[in-house]
C-alpha atoms as a PDB file:
ATOM      1  CA  MET A   1       0.246  32.215  16.266  1.00  0.00           C
ATOM      2  CA  SER A   2      -0.348  29.228  18.503  1.00  0.00           C
ATOM      3  CA  ASP A   3      -4.437  29.898  17.515  1.00  0.00           C
ATOM      4  CA  ILE A   4      -3.465  29.567  13.837  1.00  0.00           C
ATOM      5  CA  VAL A   5      -1.723  26.565  14.377  1.00  0.00           C
ATOM      6  CA  LYS A   6      -4.886  25.472  16.622  1.00  0.00           C
ATOM      7  CA  GLN A   7      -7.119  26.261  13.835  1.00  0.00           C
ATOM      8  CA  ILE A   8      -5.037  24.228  11.114  1.00  0.00           C
ATOM      9  CA  LYS A   9      -5.040  20.936  12.996  1.00  0.00           C
ATOM     10  CA  ASP A  10      -8.870  21.328  13.787  1.00  0.00           C
ATOM     11  CA  ALA A  11      -9.463  21.981   9.979  1.00  0.00           C
ATOM     12  CA  GLU A  12      -7.249  18.967   9.208  1.00  0.00           C
ATOM     13  CA  GLN A  13      -8.774  16.836  11.668  1.00  0.00           C
ATOM     14  CA  SER A  14     -12.057  17.940  10.142  1.00  0.00           C
ATOM     15  CA  LYS A  15     -11.700  17.002   6.811  1.00  0.00           C
ATOM     16  CA  ARG A  16      -9.779  13.643   8.195  1.00  0.00           C
ATOM     17  CA  LYS A  17     -13.326  12.885   9.543  1.00  0.00           C
ATOM     18  CA  ALA A  18     -15.768  13.563   6.899  1.00  0.00           C
ATOM     19  CA  LEU A  19     -13.196  12.397   4.221  1.00  0.00           C
ATOM     20  CA  ALA A  20     -13.275   9.241   6.906  1.00  0.00           C
ATOM     21  CA  PHE A  21     -17.300   8.288   6.119  1.00  0.00           C
ATOM     22  CA  LEU A  22     -17.289  10.980   2.674  1.00  0.00           C
ATOM     23  CA  HIS A  23     -18.774   6.993   1.048  1.00  0.00           C
ATOM     24  CA  VAL A  24     -21.506   6.541   3.225  1.00  0.00           C
ATOM     25  CA  GLU A  25     -22.170   9.887   2.435  1.00  0.00           C
ATOM     26  CA  LEU A  26     -22.764   8.748  -1.456  1.00  0.00           C
ATOM     27  CA  GLY A  27     -24.191   5.807  -0.560  1.00  0.00           C
ATOM     28  CA  TYR A  28     -21.374   3.045  -1.382  1.00  0.00           C
ATOM     29  CA  GLU A  29     -20.309   0.374   0.010  1.00  0.00           C
ATOM     30  CA  SER A  30     -16.742   0.919   1.168  1.00  0.00           C
ATOM     31  CA  PRO A  31     -13.762   3.983   0.295  1.00  0.00           C
ATOM     32  CA  GLN A  32     -13.018   1.076  -2.366  1.00  0.00           C
ATOM     33  CA  ALA A  33     -15.622   0.655  -4.123  1.00  0.00           C
ATOM     34  CA  LEU A  34     -16.106   4.919  -4.277  1.00  0.00           C
ATOM     35  CA  ALA A  35     -12.446   4.782  -5.197  1.00  0.00           C
ATOM     36  CA  SER A  36     -13.057   2.345  -8.422  1.00  0.00           C
ATOM     37  CA  ALA A  37     -16.650   4.479  -9.340  1.00  0.00           C
ATOM     38  CA  ILE A  38     -14.399   7.646  -9.302  1.00  0.00           C
ATOM     39  CA  LEU A  39     -11.342   6.133 -11.418  1.00  0.00           C
ATOM     40  CA  LYS A  40     -14.240   4.112 -13.982  1.00  0.00           C
ATOM     41  CA  ALA A  41     -15.501   8.033 -13.849  1.00  0.00           C
ATOM     42  CA  ALA A  42     -12.311   9.092 -15.176  1.00  0.00           C
ATOM     43  CA  GLY A  43     -10.990   6.979 -17.593  1.00  0.00           C
ATOM     44  CA  GLY A  44     -11.022   2.977 -16.160  1.00  0.00           C
ATOM     45  CA  ALA A  45      -9.172   1.428 -13.577  1.00  0.00           C
ATOM     46  CA  PRO A  46      -5.975   0.700 -12.861  1.00  0.00           C
ATOM     47  CA  LYS A  47      -4.862  -2.995 -14.098  1.00  0.00           C
ATOM     48  CA  GLY A  48      -6.369  -5.782 -11.835  1.00  0.00           C
ATOM     49  CA  ALA A  49      -9.162  -3.254  -9.983  1.00  0.00           C
ATOM     50  CA  LYS A  50     -12.200  -5.158  -9.190  1.00  0.00           C
ATOM     51  CA  PRO A  51     -15.691  -3.604 -10.782  1.00  0.00           C
ATOM     52  CA  ALA A  52     -17.031  -1.503  -8.530  1.00  0.00           C
ATOM     53  CA  ALA A  53     -20.713  -2.303  -6.001  1.00  0.00           C
ATOM     54  CA  GLY A  54     -22.581   0.526  -7.169  1.00  0.00           C
ATOM     55  CA  PRO A  55     -24.577   2.807  -4.306  1.00  0.00           C
ATOM     56  CA  SER A  56     -25.766   0.925  -1.134  1.00  0.00           C
ATOM     57  CA  THR A  57     -28.931   1.597   1.311  1.00  0.00           C
ATOM     58  CA  SER A  58     -26.457   0.447   3.995  1.00  0.00           C
ATOM     59  CA  VAL A  59     -25.120   2.959   6.098  1.00  0.00           C
ATOM     60  CA  ARG A  60     -22.453   0.314   7.771  1.00  0.00           C
ATOM     61  CA  ALA A  61     -18.619   1.642   8.927  1.00  0.00           C
ATOM     62  CA  PRO A  62     -16.886  -0.269   6.806  1.00  0.00           C
ATOM     63  CA  VAL A  63     -14.053  -2.629   8.387  1.00  0.00           C
ATOM     64  CA  ALA A  64     -10.834  -2.949   6.557  1.00  0.00           C
ATOM     65  CA  LYS A  65      -9.908  -6.326   5.260  1.00  0.00           C
ATOM     66  CA  GLN A  66      -6.209  -7.636   6.240  1.00  0.00           C
ATOM     67  CA  GLY A  67      -4.035  -9.802   3.802  1.00  0.00           C
ATOM     68  CA  LYS A  68      -1.778 -10.613   2.588  1.00  0.00           C
ATOM     69  CA  GLY A  69       0.059  -8.559  -0.586  1.00  0.00           C
ATOM     70  CA  ARG A  70       0.014  -9.255  -4.286  1.00  0.00           C
ATOM     71  CA  ARG A  71       3.001 -11.959  -5.284  1.00  0.00           C
ATOM     72  CA  LEU A  72       6.050 -11.299  -6.391  1.00  0.00           C
ATOM     73  CA  SER A  73       5.773 -13.518  -9.848  1.00  0.00           C
ATOM     74  CA  PRO A  74       9.313 -15.500 -10.009  1.00  0.00           C
ATOM     75  CA  GLU A  75      10.414 -13.442 -13.380  1.00  0.00           C
ATOM     76  CA  THR A  76      10.613 -11.255 -10.632  1.00  0.00           C
ATOM     77  CA  ARG A  77      11.396 -12.606  -8.185  1.00  0.00           C
ATOM     78  CA  ALA A  78      14.940 -13.931 -10.316  1.00  0.00           C
ATOM     79  CA  ALA A  79      15.301 -10.303 -11.350  1.00  0.00           C
ATOM     80  CA  ILE A  80      15.819  -8.906  -7.913  1.00  0.00           C
ATOM     81  CA  ILE A  81      17.763 -11.639  -6.849  1.00  0.00           C
ATOM     82  CA  SER A  82      20.332 -11.172  -9.912  1.00  0.00           C
ATOM     83  CA  ALA A  83      20.099  -6.298  -8.961  1.00  0.00           C
ATOM     84  CA  LEU A  84      20.804  -7.887  -5.358  1.00  0.00           C
ATOM     85  CA  LYS A  85      23.360  -9.671  -6.303  1.00  0.00           C
ATOM     86  CA  SER A  86      24.952  -7.868  -8.925  1.00  0.00           C
ATOM     87  CA  GLY A  87      25.862  -5.309  -5.525  1.00  0.00           C
ATOM     88  CA  VAL A  88      22.301  -2.723  -6.883  1.00  0.00           C
ATOM     89  CA  LYS A  89      21.492  -1.255  -2.843  1.00  0.00           C
ATOM     90  CA  GLY A  90      17.760  -2.184  -1.137  1.00  0.00           C
ATOM     91  CA  THR A  91      15.732   1.324  -2.119  1.00  0.00           C
ATOM     92  CA  GLU A  92      17.264   1.386  -5.196  1.00  0.00           C
ATOM     93  CA  VAL A  93      15.495  -1.941  -6.261  1.00  0.00           C
ATOM     94  CA  THR A  94      12.514  -0.772  -4.753  1.00  0.00           C
ATOM     95  CA  ARG A  95      12.348   1.987  -7.117  1.00  0.00           C
ATOM     96  CA  ARG A  96      12.999  -0.301 -10.085  1.00  0.00           C
ATOM     97  CA  PHE A  97      10.549  -2.414  -9.210  1.00  0.00           C
ATOM     98  CA  GLY A  98       8.026  -1.421  -7.397  1.00  0.00           C
ATOM     99  CA  VAL A  99       8.080  -3.959  -4.263  1.00  0.00           C
ATOM    100  CA  SER A 100       7.828  -2.030  -1.030  1.00  0.00           C
ATOM    101  CA  TYR A 101      11.616  -2.437   1.596  1.00  0.00           C
ATOM    102  CA  PRO A 102      10.095  -5.143   3.590  1.00  0.00           C
ATOM    103  CA  THR A 103      10.058  -7.527   0.516  1.00  0.00           C
ATOM    104  CA  VAL A 104      13.795  -6.592  -0.358  1.00  0.00           C
ATOM    105  CA  HIS A 105      14.388  -6.806   2.932  1.00  0.00           C
ATOM    106  CA  ALA A 106      13.103 -11.092   2.574  1.00  0.00           C
ATOM    107  CA  ILE A 107      14.612 -11.979   0.517  1.00  0.00           C
ATOM    108  CA  LYS A 108      17.902 -10.798   0.893  1.00  0.00           C
ATOM    109  CA  GLY A 109      17.322 -12.738   4.030  1.00  0.00           C
ATOM    110  CA  SER A 110      16.290 -15.424   2.327  1.00  0.00           C
ATOM    111  CA  LEU A 111      19.910 -15.059   0.564  1.00  0.00           C
ATOM    112  CA  GLY A 112      21.587 -14.726   3.892  1.00  0.00           C
ATOM    113  CA  MET A 113      22.293 -10.849   2.842  1.00  0.00           C
ATOM    114  CA  VAL A 114      21.506  -9.354   6.141  1.00  0.00           C
ATOM    115  CA  THR A 115      23.666  -9.150   8.975  1.00  0.00           C
ATOM    116  CA  SER A 116      22.354  -9.428  12.018  1.00  0.00           C
ATOM    117  CA  ARG A 117      22.314  -7.416  14.704  1.00  0.00           C
ATOM    118  CA  GLY A 118      25.514  -8.839  15.765  1.00  0.00           C
ATOM    119  CA  GLY A 119      27.044  -9.284  12.914  1.00  0.00           C
ATOM    120  CA  LYS A 120      26.263 -12.926  12.039  1.00  0.00           C
ATOM    121  CA  LYS A 121      24.540 -13.240   8.495  1.00  0.00           C
ATOM    122  CA  THR A 122      21.835 -14.997   8.873  1.00  0.00           C
ATOM    123  CA  LYS A 123      19.704 -17.142   6.267  1.00  0.00           C
ATOM    124  CA  LYS A 124      16.463 -18.007   6.430  1.00  0.00           C
ATOM    125  CA  LYS A 125      15.106 -21.841   6.704  1.00  0.00           C
END
């Protein structure tokens, strides 16, 4: 039985390695460029997506960019605040508005709706 588990784990690891560099094998600059090309071929990229760069001759490994995600519009933020003040749970707010729980938690913190581990309500400055 453990032999089968080892084979499955090895197959998964091989698949991950192959996928990590698939964009290079196909001549794209980054995984994002490959994904954009696939989306375009399937009927279009999602709203707000940047156009894909074409195939590249570069074989350098991609470097992941880190940065802040999309910003909430003032209207969305106001709607989230309204929902939270009316008693809607944070997880329900994440589903309704398509935002992450840390985003909802940060908004709750700014409203003083978060309880610290010591039991005191906290409010961000």
